[in-house]
């Protein structure tokens, strides 16, 4: 097995959110809400220094945490990259200024090129305000003379917004955007099935190719899950391609997610706890029996259940319906 060296640490500051996004899994399940305390965050600082990337994210909007600015003060400067994913609504000028002083990446979720589409998806957000935030970020970076934060955009692709992707790229070309990442919609409720691009493979392939070329012209790095396999006029939806893709997954060998309640997960997808930092030392958890067994199983033909249809961009099989329609998995349980 590969050597286990922690490189990428996710820290869930809170699982609360200020929006009610149409596609969010929390709309279809009940979760206990909470926040990571400042003291527990402080105890993680020795671990931070060993990492290459610290992502201050989990299943929530990190800027909801009332102590977020204090957390940025506590992370190592001139150390690992600090990564923050946000809907951008609560992004303040002082937080942007803090990020300019760190090696940082700010990932903002934008899923439409028009007010109508964006606000129907990101319920509670305002289209104009999120682009005002992009202008502010650019202004503060220029005034501080900093290259940070790097600005990435995350786009959740679905039937109702995929045709707007080239137009969004054109808009983004006006800002200092480094990277655009396209992800598939994950369907957690039947009401969203008609939005899944799994059922519109030709449409998806057409607009992704058009967007890829547009991004290249704009100088924006463009990442997407790949193209659907289409033979003739039919999409090859057999689900048999690369059946053992989890064998290539490096996440449990390099990654950990610490939930707000202290639970340690082997990646950002799994809900299997490896231990809890409130009860045990992280290093013991990292090298402990639960992590070791998880790593062993992911290198076999019988991986942990959540690995079989993983939607992570590095291991997903986009031609498999279970990669897209998550309700099919829950209904089998």
Protein backbone atom coordinates (compact mmCIF):
# COMPACT_ATOMS: atom_id res chain seq x y z
CA UNK A 1 0.00 0.00 0.00
CA UNK A 2 1.08 3.64 -0.48
CA UNK A 3 2.74 5.42 2.40
CA UNK A 4 0.27 7.32 4.59
CA UNK A 5 1.35 10.97 4.73
CA UNK A 6 -1.17 13.65 5.63
CA UNK A 7 -1.18 16.35 2.95
CA UNK A 8 -4.72 17.72 2.76
CA UNK A 9 -6.69 18.43 5.94
CA UNK A 10 -10.33 19.53 5.89
CA UNK A 11 -11.57 21.26 9.03
CA UNK A 12 -15.32 21.69 9.33
CA UNK A 13 -15.79 24.89 11.32
CA UNK A 14 -19.57 24.54 11.18
CA UNK A 15 -22.20 22.59 9.29
CA UNK A 16 -24.65 25.49 9.39
CA UNK A 17 -25.43 27.46 6.25
CA UNK A 18 -26.98 30.82 5.39
CA UNK A 19 -28.58 29.62 2.14
CA UNK A 20 -31.09 26.95 1.15
CA UNK A 21 -29.60 25.84 -2.15
CA UNK A 22 -31.93 23.83 -4.31
CA UNK A 23 -29.60 20.84 -4.74
CA UNK A 24 -28.10 20.67 -1.25
CA UNK A 25 -28.28 17.24 0.40
CA UNK A 26 -29.21 18.83 3.73
CA UNK A 27 -32.66 19.56 2.28
CA UNK A 28 -33.31 15.83 2.16
CA UNK A 29 -31.87 14.71 5.48
CA UNK A 30 -31.75 15.80 9.11
CA UNK A 31 -28.39 16.77 10.58
CA UNK A 32 -27.38 17.89 14.04
CA UNK A 33 -25.96 21.40 13.73
CA UNK A 34 -22.98 22.82 15.55
CA UNK A 35 -19.64 24.64 15.46
CA UNK A 36 -16.03 23.79 16.19
CA UNK A 37 -14.81 25.66 19.26
CA UNK A 38 -11.83 28.01 19.18
CA UNK A 39 -10.03 25.85 21.76
CA UNK A 40 -10.46 22.69 19.70
CA UNK A 41 -9.27 24.53 16.59
CA UNK A 42 -6.21 25.74 18.49
CA UNK A 43 -5.35 22.15 19.40
CA UNK A 44 -5.09 21.34 15.68
CA UNK A 45 -2.36 23.91 14.93
CA UNK A 46 0.55 21.41 15.35
CA UNK A 47 -1.14 19.21 12.73
CA UNK A 48 -1.58 22.16 10.35
CA UNK A 49 2.17 22.64 10.11
CA UNK A 50 2.56 19.17 8.60
CA UNK A 51 0.02 19.71 5.81
CA UNK A 52 0.27 21.13 2.32
CA UNK A 53 -3.37 22.31 2.23
CA UNK A 54 -5.76 23.22 5.02
CA UNK A 55 -9.34 23.49 3.78
CA UNK A 56 -11.55 25.36 6.24
CA UNK A 57 -14.66 23.60 5.01
CA UNK A 58 -17.04 20.77 5.65
CA UNK A 59 -20.75 20.45 5.21
CA UNK A 60 -21.66 24.09 5.75
CA UNK A 61 -20.79 27.72 5.07
CA UNK A 62 -17.68 28.47 7.12
CA UNK A 63 -18.30 32.23 7.18
CA UNK A 64 -21.38 31.60 9.33
CA UNK A 65 -19.03 30.81 12.23
CA UNK A 66 -18.83 33.93 14.45
CA UNK A 67 -15.11 33.31 15.11
CA UNK A 68 -14.05 32.78 11.51
CA UNK A 69 -11.77 35.82 11.46
CA UNK A 70 -10.03 34.53 14.59
CA UNK A 71 -9.43 31.17 12.91
CA UNK A 72 -7.63 32.92 10.05
CA UNK A 73 -5.42 34.69 12.58
CA UNK A 74 -4.50 31.32 14.12
CA UNK A 75 -3.53 29.37 10.97
CA UNK A 76 0.18 29.19 10.11
CA UNK A 77 1.40 32.05 7.95
CA UNK A 78 3.95 31.24 5.22
CA UNK A 79 3.03 27.60 5.71
CA UNK A 80 0.40 25.45 4.02
CA UNK A 81 -2.10 26.76 1.51
CA UNK A 82 -5.34 27.86 3.15
CA UNK A 83 -8.41 26.91 1.13
CA UNK A 84 -11.91 28.30 1.66
CA UNK A 85 -15.04 27.35 -0.27
CA UNK A 86 -17.92 29.80 0.13
CA UNK A 87 -21.12 30.97 -1.48
CA UNK A 88 -19.59 34.44 -1.03
CA UNK A 89 -22.64 36.06 0.52
CA UNK A 90 -21.03 36.70 3.94
CA UNK A 91 -17.58 37.55 2.62
CA UNK A 92 -16.43 40.79 4.30
CA UNK A 93 -13.66 43.17 3.29
CA UNK A 94 -11.65 42.43 6.45
CA UNK A 95 -11.73 38.68 5.73
CA UNK A 96 -10.56 39.30 2.15
CA UNK A 97 -7.72 41.41 3.57
CA UNK A 98 -6.76 38.57 5.90
CA UNK A 99 -6.68 36.15 2.98
CA UNK A 100 -4.31 38.46 1.04
CA UNK A 101 -1.76 37.88 3.83
CA UNK A 102 -1.94 34.10 3.53
CA UNK A 103 -1.09 31.65 0.80
CA UNK A 104 -4.75 31.10 0.08
CA UNK A 105 -7.35 29.97 -2.39
CA UNK A 106 -10.92 31.24 -2.29
CA UNK A 107 -13.45 29.04 -4.08
CA UNK A 108 -16.78 30.77 -4.74
CA UNK A 109 -19.85 28.84 -5.87
CA UNK A 110 -21.60 30.39 -8.88
CA UNK A 111 -24.07 28.26 -10.83
CA UNK A 112 -25.52 30.59 -13.43
CA UNK A 113 -24.83 33.48 -15.77
CA UNK A 114 -28.20 35.16 -15.23
CA UNK A 115 -29.93 36.46 -12.13
CA UNK A 116 -32.94 34.21 -12.67
CA UNK A 117 -30.96 30.97 -12.94
CA UNK A 118 -28.48 31.77 -10.17
CA UNK A 119 -31.11 32.86 -7.64
CA UNK A 120 -33.34 29.87 -8.38
CA UNK A 121 -30.44 27.59 -7.49
CA UNK A 122 -28.70 29.51 -4.68
CA UNK A 123 -31.86 30.36 -2.77
CA UNK A 124 -31.25 33.35 -0.52
CA UNK A 125 -28.29 34.75 -2.48
CA UNK A 126 -28.29 37.72 -4.85
CA UNK A 127 -26.67 37.54 -8.26
CA UNK A 128 -25.44 41.14 -8.37
CA UNK A 129 -23.97 40.98 -4.88
CA UNK A 130 -21.81 37.94 -5.58
CA UNK A 131 -20.21 39.70 -8.55
CA UNK A 132 -19.80 42.84 -6.46
CA UNK A 133 -17.79 40.61 -4.11
CA UNK A 134 -15.56 39.52 -7.00
CA UNK A 135 -14.90 43.18 -7.82
CA UNK A 136 -14.05 43.87 -4.19
CA UNK A 137 -11.65 40.93 -4.03
CA UNK A 138 -9.84 42.18 -7.13
CA UNK A 139 -9.63 45.71 -5.72
CA UNK A 140 -8.29 44.61 -2.32
CA UNK A 141 -5.72 42.29 -3.93
CA UNK A 142 -4.48 45.10 -6.15
CA UNK A 143 -4.29 47.64 -3.31
CA UNK A 144 -2.38 45.18 -1.10
CA UNK A 145 -0.04 44.10 -3.89
CA UNK A 146 -0.84 40.46 -3.15
CA UNK A 147 -1.41 37.57 -5.54
CA UNK A 148 -3.67 35.96 -2.95
CA UNK A 149 -6.24 34.72 -2.57
CA UNK A 150 -6.30 32.80 -5.83
CA UNK A 151 -9.90 32.89 -7.04
CA UNK A 152 -11.55 29.67 -8.16
CA UNK A 153 -15.17 29.26 -9.22
CA UNK A 154 -17.22 26.12 -8.53
CA UNK A 155 -20.14 25.36 -10.85
CA UNK A 156 -22.69 22.60 -10.18
CA UNK A 157 -23.85 21.52 -13.63
CA UNK A 158 -27.50 20.62 -14.20
CA UNK A 159 -30.08 20.70 -16.96
CA UNK A 160 -31.29 24.21 -16.16
CA UNK A 161 -27.87 25.91 -16.14
CA UNK A 162 -25.48 24.01 -18.43
CA UNK A 163 -26.34 26.20 -21.44
CA UNK A 164 -25.26 29.28 -19.44
CA UNK A 165 -21.75 28.00 -18.74
CA UNK A 166 -20.06 29.69 -21.75
CA UNK A 167 -21.76 32.98 -20.84
CA UNK A 168 -20.56 32.64 -17.26
CA UNK A 169 -17.01 32.12 -18.49
CA UNK A 170 -17.31 35.31 -20.55
CA UNK A 171 -18.40 37.22 -17.44
CA UNK A 172 -15.65 35.68 -15.31
CA UNK A 173 -13.02 36.71 -17.84
CA UNK A 174 -13.51 40.28 -16.56
CA UNK A 175 -12.16 39.25 -13.16
CA UNK A 176 -8.89 37.68 -11.99
CA UNK A 177 -10.28 34.15 -12.00
CA UNK A 178 -7.64 31.41 -12.00
CA UNK A 179 -9.72 28.26 -12.26
CA UNK A 180 -13.24 27.02 -12.98
CA UNK A 181 -14.31 23.64 -11.66
CA UNK A 182 -17.46 21.98 -13.03
CA UNK A 183 -19.17 19.30 -10.95
CA UNK A 184 -22.22 17.16 -11.61
CA UNK A 185 -25.41 17.65 -9.66
CA UNK A 186 -25.85 14.90 -7.07
CA UNK A 187 -29.53 13.96 -6.88
CA UNK A 188 -30.62 13.37 -3.27
CA UNK A 189 -34.35 13.86 -3.89
CA UNK A 190 -36.73 12.71 -6.64
CA UNK A 191 -37.70 16.30 -7.45
CA UNK A 192 -34.20 16.88 -8.86
CA UNK A 193 -33.97 13.81 -11.10
CA UNK A 194 -35.04 15.78 -14.17
CA UNK A 195 -32.11 18.15 -13.54
CA UNK A 196 -29.46 15.42 -13.75
CA UNK A 197 -27.32 15.65 -16.86
CA UNK A 198 -26.96 11.89 -16.76
CA UNK A 199 -30.22 11.87 -18.72
CA UNK A 200 -28.97 14.52 -21.19
CA UNK A 201 -25.49 13.27 -22.18
CA UNK A 202 -25.41 14.84 -25.65
CA UNK A 203 -26.49 18.20 -24.25
CA UNK A 204 -23.82 18.02 -21.55
CA UNK A 205 -21.04 16.99 -23.95
CA UNK A 206 -21.92 19.79 -26.38
CA UNK A 207 -21.92 22.59 -23.81
CA UNK A 208 -18.88 21.31 -21.94
CA UNK A 209 -16.84 21.25 -25.14
CA UNK A 210 -18.00 24.75 -26.02
CA UNK A 211 -17.16 25.94 -22.49
CA UNK A 212 -13.76 24.26 -22.54
CA UNK A 213 -12.80 26.18 -25.66
CA UNK A 214 -14.20 29.44 -24.27
CA UNK A 215 -12.21 29.02 -21.05
CA UNK A 216 -9.02 28.36 -23.02
CA UNK A 217 -9.55 31.59 -24.95
CA UNK A 218 -10.15 33.47 -21.68
CA UNK A 219 -7.05 32.03 -20.01
CA UNK A 220 -9.08 30.31 -17.30
CA UNK A 221 -8.08 26.79 -16.29
CA UNK A 222 -11.09 24.55 -16.81
CA UNK A 223 -11.70 21.34 -14.90
CA UNK A 224 -14.66 19.06 -15.60
CA UNK A 225 -15.59 15.43 -14.89
CA UNK A 226 -15.08 14.24 -18.46
CA UNK A 227 -17.39 13.43 -21.36
CA UNK A 228 -20.15 10.86 -21.43
CA UNK A 229 -19.27 7.84 -23.55
CA UNK A 230 -21.51 8.03 -26.61
CA UNK A 231 -21.53 5.45 -29.41
CA UNK A 232 -23.43 6.58 -32.49
CA UNK A 233 -26.62 8.19 -31.27
CA UNK A 234 -26.65 6.37 -27.95
CA UNK A 235 -24.98 7.19 -24.68
CA UNK A 236 -23.14 4.24 -23.24
CA UNK A 237 -24.81 4.14 -19.83
CA UNK A 238 -23.80 0.63 -18.86
CA UNK A 239 -22.02 1.51 -15.64
CA UNK A 240 -19.39 -1.12 -16.41
CA UNK A 241 -16.50 1.17 -17.31
CA UNK A 242 -13.60 1.21 -14.85
CA UNK A 243 -15.43 -0.77 -12.22
CA UNK A 244 -12.51 -0.65 -9.82
CA UNK A 245 -11.75 3.07 -9.91
CA UNK A 246 -11.51 3.23 -6.12
CA UNK A 247 -8.23 1.32 -6.40
CA UNK A 248 -6.66 4.57 -7.66
CA UNK A 249 -7.97 6.67 -4.78
CA UNK A 250 -5.25 8.27 -2.65
CA UNK A 251 -7.58 10.15 -0.29
CA UNK A 252 -7.37 7.96 2.85
CA UNK A 253 -3.58 7.89 2.48
CA UNK A 254 -3.25 11.68 2.22
CA UNK A 255 -6.47 13.26 3.51
CA UNK A 256 -8.53 13.69 6.64
CA UNK A 257 -11.69 15.61 7.43
CA UNK A 258 -12.23 16.76 11.01
CA UNK A 259 -15.89 17.41 11.66
CA UNK A 260 -17.11 20.19 13.94
CA UNK A 261 -17.85 17.57 16.64
CA UNK A 262 -14.31 16.15 16.50
CA UNK A 263 -15.01 13.07 14.38
CA UNK A 264 -12.21 12.25 11.93
CA UNK A 265 -13.25 11.05 8.46
CA UNK A 266 -10.88 9.49 5.88
CA UNK A 267 -12.00 11.85 3.09
CA UNK A 268 -14.59 14.49 2.26
CA UNK A 269 -17.11 11.87 1.04
CA UNK A 270 -17.07 9.11 3.64
CA UNK A 271 -19.23 9.26 6.76
CA UNK A 272 -17.24 6.50 8.50
CA UNK A 273 -15.51 7.89 11.57
CA UNK A 274 -11.92 6.87 12.22
CA UNK A 275 -11.96 8.30 15.74
CA UNK A 276 -12.55 11.60 17.56
CA UNK A 277 -9.97 14.25 18.39
CA UNK A 278 -11.89 15.18 21.53
CA UNK A 279 -11.12 11.74 22.93
CA UNK A 280 -7.84 10.80 21.28
CA UNK A 281 -4.71 12.24 19.72
CA UNK A 282 -4.97 12.85 15.96
CA UNK A 283 -1.67 11.11 15.21
CA UNK A 284 -2.87 7.98 16.96
CA UNK A 285 -6.11 8.10 14.96
CA UNK A 286 -4.18 8.60 11.69
CA UNK A 287 -2.07 5.49 12.31
CA UNK A 288 -4.78 3.58 14.18
CA UNK A 289 -6.62 0.37 13.36
CA UNK A 290 -9.73 2.00 11.82
CA UNK A 291 -7.72 4.07 9.34
CA UNK A 292 -5.42 1.14 8.57
CA UNK A 293 -8.35 -1.17 7.83
CA UNK A 294 -10.08 1.45 5.67
CA UNK A 295 -6.90 1.87 3.61
CA UNK A 296 -6.49 -1.88 3.28
CA UNK A 297 -10.07 -2.38 2.06
CA UNK A 298 -9.87 0.38 -0.55
CA UNK A 299 -7.06 -1.59 -2.23
CA UNK A 300 -9.26 -4.68 -2.60
CA UNK A 301 -12.27 -5.80 -4.65
CA UNK A 302 -14.46 -5.21 -1.57
CA UNK A 303 -13.95 -1.54 -0.62
CA UNK A 304 -15.99 0.39 1.95
CA UNK A 305 -19.58 0.78 0.70
CA UNK A 306 -19.31 4.53 0.08
CA UNK A 307 -16.36 3.96 -2.27
CA UNK A 308 -18.34 1.85 -4.73
CA UNK A 309 -20.17 4.79 -6.29
CA UNK A 310 -17.99 7.65 -5.11
CA UNK A 311 -18.73 10.99 -6.75
CA UNK A 312 -15.27 12.41 -6.13
CA UNK A 313 -13.87 13.93 -9.30
CA UNK A 314 -10.75 11.72 -9.31
CA UNK A 315 -12.53 8.38 -9.03
CA UNK A 316 -16.08 8.85 -10.29
CA UNK A 317 -17.45 6.89 -13.23
CA UNK A 318 -19.73 9.40 -14.91
CA UNK A 319 -21.39 6.71 -17.03
CA UNK A 320 -22.71 4.98 -13.92
CA UNK A 321 -26.14 6.19 -12.81
CA UNK A 322 -25.23 5.71 -9.13
CA UNK A 323 -22.59 8.41 -9.48
CA UNK A 324 -25.39 10.90 -10.16
CA UNK A 325 -28.57 9.60 -8.49
CA UNK A 326 -27.77 9.15 -4.83
CA UNK A 327 -31.37 8.32 -3.84
CA UNK A 328 -30.93 4.97 -5.58
CA UNK A 329 -28.29 4.06 -3.02
CA UNK A 330 -30.35 5.11 -0.01
CA UNK A 331 -33.37 3.22 -1.30
CA UNK A 332 -31.28 0.05 -1.53
CA UNK A 333 -30.28 0.28 2.15
